[in-house]
């Protein structure tokens, strides 16, 4: 698995989101996702939204994914 594939899948599942994915070993990744769709959602709900874009890859090809899910306002404050 590579970062560009994960980035593409998240962006496709959350249209309009700004997505950055890092990870050097092919199984452990970090994602920063900024989306209007997160407004009014608790952190757990935001993470579930991101994980849902990856489906069965989670726990398989993607062993671990650390997620920072922010609204545009939060991202603008430097979170």
N, C-alpha and C. Protein backbone atom coordinates (compact mmCIF):
# COMPACT_ATOMS: atom_id res chain seq x y z
N UNK A 1 0.85 -1.17 0.00
CA UNK A 1 0.00 0.00 0.00
C UNK A 1 0.89 1.23 0.00
N UNK A 2 0.45 2.27 -0.68
CA UNK A 2 1.25 3.49 -0.72
C UNK A 2 0.40 4.70 -0.35
N UNK A 3 1.07 5.77 0.02
CA UNK A 3 0.40 6.96 0.51
C UNK A 3 -0.52 7.59 -0.54
N UNK A 4 -0.11 7.57 -1.80
CA UNK A 4 -0.94 8.22 -2.83
C UNK A 4 -2.26 7.49 -3.03
N UNK A 5 -2.26 6.17 -2.91
CA UNK A 5 -3.51 5.40 -3.04
C UNK A 5 -4.45 5.72 -1.89
N UNK A 6 -3.92 5.76 -0.68
CA UNK A 6 -4.74 6.08 0.49
C UNK A 6 -5.28 7.49 0.37
N UNK A 7 -4.43 8.43 -0.03
CA UNK A 7 -4.86 9.81 -0.20
C UNK A 7 -6.00 9.90 -1.22
N UNK A 8 -5.86 9.20 -2.33
CA UNK A 8 -6.89 9.21 -3.37
C UNK A 8 -8.20 8.63 -2.84
N UNK A 9 -8.16 7.51 -2.13
CA UNK A 9 -9.37 6.88 -1.62
C UNK A 9 -10.11 7.77 -0.62
N UNK A 10 -9.34 8.41 0.27
CA UNK A 10 -9.98 9.31 1.24
C UNK A 10 -10.60 10.50 0.52
N UNK A 11 -9.87 11.10 -0.41
CA UNK A 11 -10.38 12.26 -1.15
C UNK A 11 -11.61 11.89 -1.97
N UNK A 12 -11.62 10.70 -2.52
CA UNK A 12 -12.77 10.24 -3.31
C UNK A 12 -13.99 10.02 -2.40
N UNK A 13 -13.76 9.50 -1.20
CA UNK A 13 -14.86 9.23 -0.27
C UNK A 13 -15.37 10.45 0.46
N UNK A 14 -14.53 11.49 0.55
CA UNK A 14 -14.91 12.74 1.20
C UNK A 14 -14.66 13.88 0.22
N UNK A 15 -15.54 14.03 -0.77
CA UNK A 15 -15.34 15.06 -1.81
C UNK A 15 -15.10 16.45 -1.22
N UNK A 16 -14.12 17.12 -1.77
CA UNK A 16 -13.79 18.47 -1.32
C UNK A 16 -12.81 18.52 -0.17
N UNK A 17 -12.46 17.38 0.39
CA UNK A 17 -11.53 17.35 1.52
C UNK A 17 -10.10 17.60 1.05
N UNK A 18 -9.32 18.21 1.94
CA UNK A 18 -7.88 18.34 1.73
C UNK A 18 -7.25 17.18 2.48
N UNK A 19 -6.49 16.36 1.78
CA UNK A 19 -5.96 15.14 2.38
C UNK A 19 -4.44 15.08 2.21
N UNK A 20 -3.75 14.81 3.31
CA UNK A 20 -2.31 14.57 3.29
C UNK A 20 -2.06 13.24 3.99
N UNK A 21 -1.31 12.36 3.37
CA UNK A 21 -1.01 11.06 3.98
C UNK A 21 0.50 10.85 3.97
N UNK A 22 1.02 10.43 5.11
CA UNK A 22 2.44 10.12 5.26
C UNK A 22 2.59 8.68 5.72
N UNK A 23 3.71 8.08 5.42
CA UNK A 23 4.00 6.72 5.88
C UNK A 23 5.13 6.14 5.06
N UNK A 24 6.15 5.64 5.75
CA UNK A 24 7.35 5.17 5.06
C UNK A 24 7.43 3.65 4.90
N UNK A 25 6.71 2.90 5.73
CA UNK A 25 6.92 1.46 5.73
C UNK A 25 5.87 0.64 4.97
N UNK A 26 4.86 1.31 4.41
CA UNK A 26 3.86 0.61 3.62
C UNK A 26 2.72 -0.02 4.40
N UNK A 27 2.75 0.06 5.73
CA UNK A 27 1.65 -0.48 6.54
C UNK A 27 1.18 0.46 7.65
N UNK A 28 2.01 1.39 8.07
CA UNK A 28 1.65 2.36 9.10
C UNK A 28 1.61 3.75 8.46
N UNK A 29 0.47 4.44 8.64
CA UNK A 29 0.27 5.72 7.96
C UNK A 29 -0.31 6.76 8.91
N UNK A 30 -0.09 8.03 8.55
CA UNK A 30 -0.69 9.17 9.25
C UNK A 30 -1.44 10.00 8.21
N UNK A 31 -2.67 10.36 8.52
CA UNK A 31 -3.47 11.16 7.60
C UNK A 31 -3.95 12.42 8.31
N UNK A 32 -3.87 13.53 7.58
CA UNK A 32 -4.46 14.80 8.02
C UNK A 32 -5.53 15.12 6.99
N UNK A 33 -6.78 15.17 7.48
CA UNK A 33 -7.92 15.37 6.59
C UNK A 33 -8.69 16.60 7.06
N UNK A 34 -8.87 17.55 6.17
CA UNK A 34 -9.62 18.77 6.47
C UNK A 34 -10.87 18.76 5.58
N UNK A 35 -12.04 18.81 6.24
CA UNK A 35 -13.29 18.73 5.48
C UNK A 35 -14.42 19.48 6.17
N UNK A 36 -15.24 20.14 5.36
CA UNK A 36 -16.46 20.77 5.85
C UNK A 36 -17.42 19.73 6.44
N UNK A 37 -17.32 18.50 5.95
CA UNK A 37 -18.22 17.43 6.41
C UNK A 37 -18.01 17.09 7.88
N UNK A 38 -16.91 17.53 8.48
CA UNK A 38 -16.63 17.25 9.88
C UNK A 38 -17.29 18.26 10.83
N UNK A 39 -17.81 19.34 10.31
CA UNK A 39 -18.43 20.37 11.15
C UNK A 39 -19.57 19.75 11.95
N UNK A 40 -19.52 19.97 13.27
CA UNK A 40 -20.57 19.47 14.15
C UNK A 40 -20.43 18.02 14.55
N UNK A 41 -19.36 17.37 14.10
CA UNK A 41 -19.15 15.95 14.41
C UNK A 41 -18.07 15.81 15.49
N UNK A 42 -18.27 14.83 16.37
CA UNK A 42 -17.28 14.52 17.39
C UNK A 42 -16.08 13.82 16.73
N UNK A 43 -14.92 13.85 17.40
CA UNK A 43 -13.73 13.22 16.82
C UNK A 43 -13.93 11.76 16.41
N UNK A 44 -14.60 10.96 17.20
CA UNK A 44 -14.81 9.55 16.85
C UNK A 44 -15.61 9.41 15.56
N UNK A 45 -16.64 10.23 15.40
CA UNK A 45 -17.45 10.18 14.17
C UNK A 45 -16.60 10.60 12.96
N UNK A 46 -15.74 11.57 13.14
CA UNK A 46 -14.86 12.03 12.06
C UNK A 46 -13.92 10.89 11.63
N UNK A 47 -13.34 10.22 12.61
CA UNK A 47 -12.42 9.11 12.31
C UNK A 47 -13.15 8.00 11.59
N UNK A 48 -14.34 7.69 12.02
CA UNK A 48 -15.13 6.64 11.36
C UNK A 48 -15.43 7.00 9.91
N UNK A 49 -15.67 8.27 9.66
CA UNK A 49 -15.91 8.73 8.29
C UNK A 49 -14.69 8.48 7.42
N UNK A 50 -13.51 8.77 7.97
CA UNK A 50 -12.27 8.56 7.21
C UNK A 50 -12.04 7.06 7.00
N UNK A 51 -12.17 6.27 8.07
CA UNK A 51 -11.96 4.82 7.95
C UNK A 51 -12.93 4.21 6.95
N UNK A 52 -14.15 4.71 6.89
CA UNK A 52 -15.15 4.17 5.97
C UNK A 52 -14.72 4.34 4.51
N UNK A 53 -13.94 5.37 4.21
CA UNK A 53 -13.48 5.58 2.83
C UNK A 53 -12.49 4.50 2.40
N UNK A 54 -11.90 3.81 3.37
CA UNK A 54 -10.87 2.81 3.08
C UNK A 54 -11.39 1.38 3.16
N UNK A 55 -12.58 1.22 3.70
CA UNK A 55 -13.24 -0.09 3.74
C UNK A 55 -12.37 -1.21 4.28
N UNK A 56 -12.32 -2.30 3.54
CA UNK A 56 -11.63 -3.51 3.99
C UNK A 56 -10.11 -3.39 4.02
N UNK A 57 -9.58 -2.31 3.47
CA UNK A 57 -8.13 -2.11 3.53
C UNK A 57 -7.66 -1.90 4.97
N UNK A 58 -8.55 -1.33 5.81
CA UNK A 58 -8.22 -1.12 7.22
C UNK A 58 -8.08 -2.47 7.91
N UNK A 59 -6.96 -2.64 8.60
CA UNK A 59 -6.71 -3.89 9.28
C UNK A 59 -6.13 -4.96 8.36
N UNK A 60 -6.08 -4.68 7.08
CA UNK A 60 -5.48 -5.60 6.11
C UNK A 60 -4.24 -4.97 5.54
N UNK A 61 -4.36 -4.42 4.33
CA UNK A 61 -3.23 -3.77 3.67
C UNK A 61 -2.75 -2.56 4.47
N UNK A 62 -3.67 -1.92 5.17
CA UNK A 62 -3.32 -0.79 6.05
C UNK A 62 -3.38 -1.30 7.47
N UNK A 63 -2.24 -1.55 8.06
CA UNK A 63 -2.19 -2.10 9.41
C UNK A 63 -2.61 -1.05 10.45
N UNK A 64 -2.16 0.19 10.26
CA UNK A 64 -2.46 1.25 11.22
C UNK A 64 -2.55 2.59 10.50
N UNK A 65 -3.55 3.37 10.90
CA UNK A 65 -3.74 4.70 10.33
C UNK A 65 -4.06 5.67 11.46
N UNK A 66 -3.18 6.62 11.67
CA UNK A 66 -3.41 7.69 12.63
C UNK A 66 -4.08 8.83 11.88
N UNK A 67 -5.20 9.32 12.42
CA UNK A 67 -6.00 10.33 11.71
C UNK A 67 -6.09 11.62 12.51
N UNK A 68 -5.84 12.75 11.83
CA UNK A 68 -6.18 14.08 12.35
C UNK A 68 -7.27 14.60 11.42
N UNK A 69 -8.49 14.64 11.92
CA UNK A 69 -9.65 15.06 11.12
C UNK A 69 -10.11 16.42 11.63
N UNK A 70 -9.97 17.43 10.78
CA UNK A 70 -10.23 18.81 11.18
C UNK A 70 -11.24 19.47 10.26
N UNK A 71 -11.97 20.43 10.83
CA UNK A 71 -12.80 21.30 10.00
C UNK A 71 -11.89 22.37 9.41
N UNK A 72 -12.30 23.04 8.35
CA UNK A 72 -11.48 24.12 7.80
C UNK A 72 -11.15 25.20 8.86
N UNK A 73 -12.12 25.51 9.71
CA UNK A 73 -11.88 26.51 10.75
C UNK A 73 -10.79 26.06 11.71
N UNK A 74 -10.84 24.79 12.14
CA UNK A 74 -9.82 24.26 13.04
C UNK A 74 -8.45 24.26 12.37
N UNK A 75 -8.41 23.88 11.11
CA UNK A 75 -7.15 23.85 10.37
C UNK A 75 -6.58 25.27 10.24
N UNK A 76 -7.46 26.25 10.07
CA UNK A 76 -7.03 27.64 9.95
C UNK A 76 -6.45 28.21 11.22
N UNK A 77 -6.81 27.60 12.35
CA UNK A 77 -6.27 28.02 13.65
C UNK A 77 -4.94 27.33 13.94
N UNK A 78 -4.48 26.50 13.03
CA UNK A 78 -3.19 25.84 13.21
C UNK A 78 -3.26 24.54 13.97
N UNK A 79 -4.43 23.94 14.06
CA UNK A 79 -4.57 22.65 14.75
C UNK A 79 -3.95 21.53 13.94
